[in-house]
Protein backbone atom coordinates (compact mmCIF):
# COMPACT_ATOMS: atom_id res chain seq x y z
CA MET A 1 69.75 -25.86 -11.88
CA LEU A 2 67.91 -23.41 -14.12
CA ARG A 3 65.75 -20.31 -13.85
CA LEU A 4 62.10 -20.97 -14.84
CA ALA A 5 60.88 -17.53 -15.91
CA SER A 6 57.24 -18.36 -15.56
CA ALA A 7 54.75 -18.26 -12.73
CA SER A 8 53.02 -21.45 -13.96
CA ILE A 9 52.44 -24.04 -11.29
CA THR A 10 52.02 -26.71 -13.96
CA ARG A 11 55.43 -25.91 -15.54
CA ALA A 12 57.02 -26.09 -12.19
CA GLU A 13 55.33 -29.47 -11.61
CA LEU A 14 56.57 -30.84 -14.96
CA LEU A 15 60.14 -29.82 -14.07
CA ASN A 16 59.78 -31.53 -10.61
CA ALA A 17 58.42 -34.78 -12.28
CA ALA A 18 61.36 -34.72 -14.65
CA GLY A 19 63.92 -34.30 -11.78
CA ILE A 20 65.10 -30.92 -13.09
CA SER A 21 66.05 -28.45 -10.30
CA TYR A 22 65.10 -24.83 -10.79
CA LEU A 23 64.40 -21.38 -9.31
CA GLN A 24 61.03 -19.93 -10.26
CA GLU A 25 60.89 -16.20 -10.79
CA SER A 26 59.85 -14.07 -13.66
CA VAL A 27 59.11 -10.69 -15.05
CA ASP A 28 55.75 -10.17 -16.55
CA PHE A 29 55.15 -9.48 -20.27
CA ASP A 30 52.02 -7.92 -21.65
CA GLU A 31 50.70 -10.28 -24.30
CA ASP A 32 47.60 -8.15 -24.97
CA SER A 33 49.66 -5.97 -27.50
CA ILE A 34 50.45 -8.97 -29.70
CA VAL A 35 48.90 -9.03 -33.07
CA ALA A 36 49.61 -12.37 -34.85
CA PRO A 37 48.24 -13.97 -37.98
CA THR A 38 48.38 -17.48 -36.62
CA PRO A 39 48.30 -19.27 -33.21
CA LYS A 40 51.92 -20.50 -33.83
CA ASN A 41 53.06 -16.94 -34.57
CA PHE A 42 51.31 -15.69 -31.45
CA VAL A 43 52.80 -18.17 -29.05
CA TYR A 44 56.37 -17.52 -30.54
CA GLN A 45 55.88 -13.67 -30.16
CA ALA A 46 54.65 -14.09 -26.60
CA THR A 47 57.54 -16.37 -25.65
CA LEU A 48 60.04 -14.10 -27.40
CA GLY A 49 58.63 -11.12 -25.44
CA LYS A 50 58.84 -12.87 -22.14
CA TYR A 51 62.34 -14.14 -23.06
CA LYS A 52 63.67 -10.58 -23.82
CA VAL A 53 62.38 -9.00 -20.50
CA ASN A 54 63.52 -11.91 -18.43
CA LEU A 55 67.02 -12.12 -20.14
CA GLU A 56 67.43 -8.43 -19.51
CA LYS A 57 66.42 -8.75 -15.77
CA PHE A 58 68.25 -12.06 -14.95
CA GLY A 59 70.65 -12.85 -17.78
CA CYS A 60 71.73 -16.46 -18.07
CA SER A 61 75.29 -16.57 -16.62
CA ASP A 62 74.24 -17.56 -13.06
CA TYR A 63 71.55 -20.04 -14.17
CA PRO A 64 70.24 -21.07 -17.60
CA LEU A 65 67.06 -19.31 -18.53
CA LEU A 66 63.86 -21.15 -19.49
CA VAL A 67 60.75 -19.19 -20.79
CA ALA A 68 57.64 -20.73 -22.21
CA ASP A 69 54.25 -19.83 -23.38
CA THR A 70 51.22 -21.90 -24.55
CA VAL A 71 48.23 -21.29 -26.69
CA VAL A 72 45.17 -23.39 -27.38
CA THR A 73 43.52 -23.25 -30.77
CA ALA A 74 40.22 -24.69 -32.14
CA HIS A 75 38.38 -23.90 -35.34
CA GLY A 76 41.38 -21.77 -36.27
CA LYS A 77 40.91 -19.47 -33.43
CA ILE A 78 43.32 -18.64 -30.68
CA LEU A 79 41.73 -19.48 -27.37
CA ARG A 80 43.37 -17.31 -24.71
CA LYS A 81 43.04 -17.38 -20.96
CA ALA A 82 39.34 -16.92 -20.06
CA LYS A 83 38.62 -13.60 -18.53
CA ASP A 84 35.51 -14.78 -16.61
CA GLU A 85 33.12 -17.60 -16.23
CA ASP A 86 31.17 -16.72 -19.37
CA ASP A 87 34.26 -16.58 -21.48
CA ALA A 88 35.40 -19.94 -20.10
CA ARG A 89 32.10 -21.49 -20.89
CA GLN A 90 32.19 -20.16 -24.50
CA ILE A 91 35.83 -21.36 -24.96
CA LEU A 92 35.13 -24.90 -23.67
CA GLN A 93 32.07 -25.10 -25.98
CA MET A 94 34.39 -24.35 -28.96
CA GLN A 95 36.58 -27.33 -27.81
CA SER A 96 33.66 -29.78 -27.16
CA GLY A 97 33.60 -32.52 -29.79
CA SER A 98 36.49 -30.78 -31.70
CA ASP A 99 40.06 -31.10 -32.75
CA VAL A 100 42.17 -28.91 -30.43
CA ALA A 101 45.74 -28.04 -30.89
CA ILE A 102 47.82 -27.00 -27.89
CA ILE A 103 50.93 -25.26 -29.00
CA THR A 104 53.96 -24.47 -26.60
CA CYS A 105 57.02 -22.49 -27.48
CA MET A 106 59.98 -22.46 -25.13
CA ILE A 107 63.34 -20.80 -25.18
CA TYR A 108 66.15 -22.16 -23.12
CA LYS A 109 69.32 -20.03 -22.99
CA THR A 110 72.75 -20.67 -21.54
CA PRO A 111 75.84 -18.60 -22.25
CA ARG A 112 76.76 -21.05 -25.12
CA LEU A 113 73.44 -22.35 -26.26
CA GLU A 114 70.09 -20.96 -27.30
CA LEU A 115 67.24 -23.53 -27.96
CA ILE A 116 63.97 -22.38 -29.44
CA ASP A 117 61.28 -25.04 -29.76
CA ILE A 118 57.66 -24.89 -30.88
CA SER A 119 55.82 -28.13 -30.32
CA SER A 120 52.12 -28.95 -30.58
CA THR A 121 49.93 -31.60 -29.28
CA HIS A 122 46.55 -32.38 -30.92
CA TYR A 123 43.54 -33.66 -28.98
CA PHE A 124 40.47 -34.95 -30.45
CA PHE A 125 37.73 -34.49 -27.91
CA ASN A 126 34.30 -36.17 -27.45
CA VAL A 127 31.45 -33.75 -26.62
CA PHE A 128 31.75 -32.28 -23.14
CA ASP A 129 28.95 -33.08 -20.68
CA PRO A 130 27.19 -29.72 -19.90
CA GLU A 131 26.84 -30.57 -16.12
CA SER A 132 30.69 -31.31 -16.02
CA ILE A 133 31.40 -28.00 -17.80
CA GLU A 134 29.40 -26.19 -15.04
CA GLN A 135 31.17 -28.12 -12.27
CA TYR A 136 34.53 -27.29 -13.82
CA ILE A 137 33.56 -23.58 -14.19
CA GLN A 138 32.48 -23.45 -10.57
CA SER A 139 35.76 -25.06 -9.46
CA GLY A 140 37.74 -22.12 -10.71
CA ASP A 141 40.53 -24.60 -11.95
CA TRP A 142 40.20 -23.08 -15.48
CA ARG A 143 41.64 -19.78 -14.31
CA GLY A 144 45.02 -18.94 -15.70
CA LYS A 145 44.92 -21.86 -18.13
CA ALA A 146 45.33 -21.12 -21.84
CA GLY A 147 41.94 -22.01 -23.46
CA ALA A 148 40.60 -22.87 -20.06
CA CYS A 149 41.95 -26.33 -20.99
CA MET A 150 43.32 -28.92 -18.47
CA VAL A 151 44.17 -32.09 -20.40
CA GLU A 152 45.43 -33.57 -17.21
CA GLY A 153 42.07 -32.74 -15.44
CA PHE A 154 38.67 -31.72 -16.74
CA CYS A 155 39.37 -32.68 -20.40
CA LYS A 156 40.96 -36.05 -19.64
CA PRO A 157 37.82 -38.10 -19.78
CA TYR A 158 36.81 -36.63 -23.11
CA ILE A 159 39.99 -37.39 -25.04
CA ARG A 160 39.30 -39.60 -27.98
CA GLU A 161 42.71 -39.39 -29.47
CA VAL A 162 46.04 -37.64 -28.83
CA ARG A 163 48.91 -36.83 -31.17
CA GLY A 164 51.90 -35.41 -29.38
CA PHE A 165 53.35 -35.05 -25.88
CA GLU A 166 51.15 -34.42 -22.90
CA SER A 167 53.92 -32.14 -21.42
CA THR A 168 53.66 -29.96 -24.45
CA ALA A 169 49.87 -29.56 -23.76
CA MET A 170 50.67 -28.86 -20.08
CA GLY A 171 53.01 -25.98 -21.07
CA LEU A 172 56.52 -27.22 -21.49
CA CYS A 173 57.86 -29.96 -23.78
CA VAL A 174 60.17 -31.68 -21.30
CA GLU A 175 61.01 -34.45 -23.80
CA VAL A 176 62.67 -31.82 -26.05
CA LEU A 177 64.40 -29.84 -23.25
CA LYS A 178 65.95 -32.81 -21.31
CA PRO A 179 68.72 -33.66 -23.85
CA PHE A 180 70.06 -30.06 -23.68
CA LEU A 181 70.50 -30.02 -19.94
């Protein structure tokens, strides 16, 4: 059993699919204050910030602590969670027909172990159909998703090539985590 310090439904689903039992509760961390030179640095700083506030609140003696954050990048830009429909539309247009990297950082802490992992998965997308983008925008499924990206949903039919683990792109590299449990 571990403590998943994340409100992400997708991360919880990944743990369920891997047969990993967990409690899900977390303390929020304000990512808006982060200034980072690269997407990799940003995701590390965001995860470290979340880790510090959740470790202070919960510790890791009762249950190991698991914290993660994900960032999407295309054309060298960090694509954050879309603020509204127009922002989501713009973000998706940047990904359409592009090479997109999804970077996930996780920290797993027990009283005797601290694992820090930064993994990335690269997707090469075909051009998104404009009508499909509008349907996706209207569905609201993009809300709360880094880069408004759902590789297991909207983006799936547009994937031309993948390099890396799908779990990384979904927010938690289970393949790296499992050997340490």
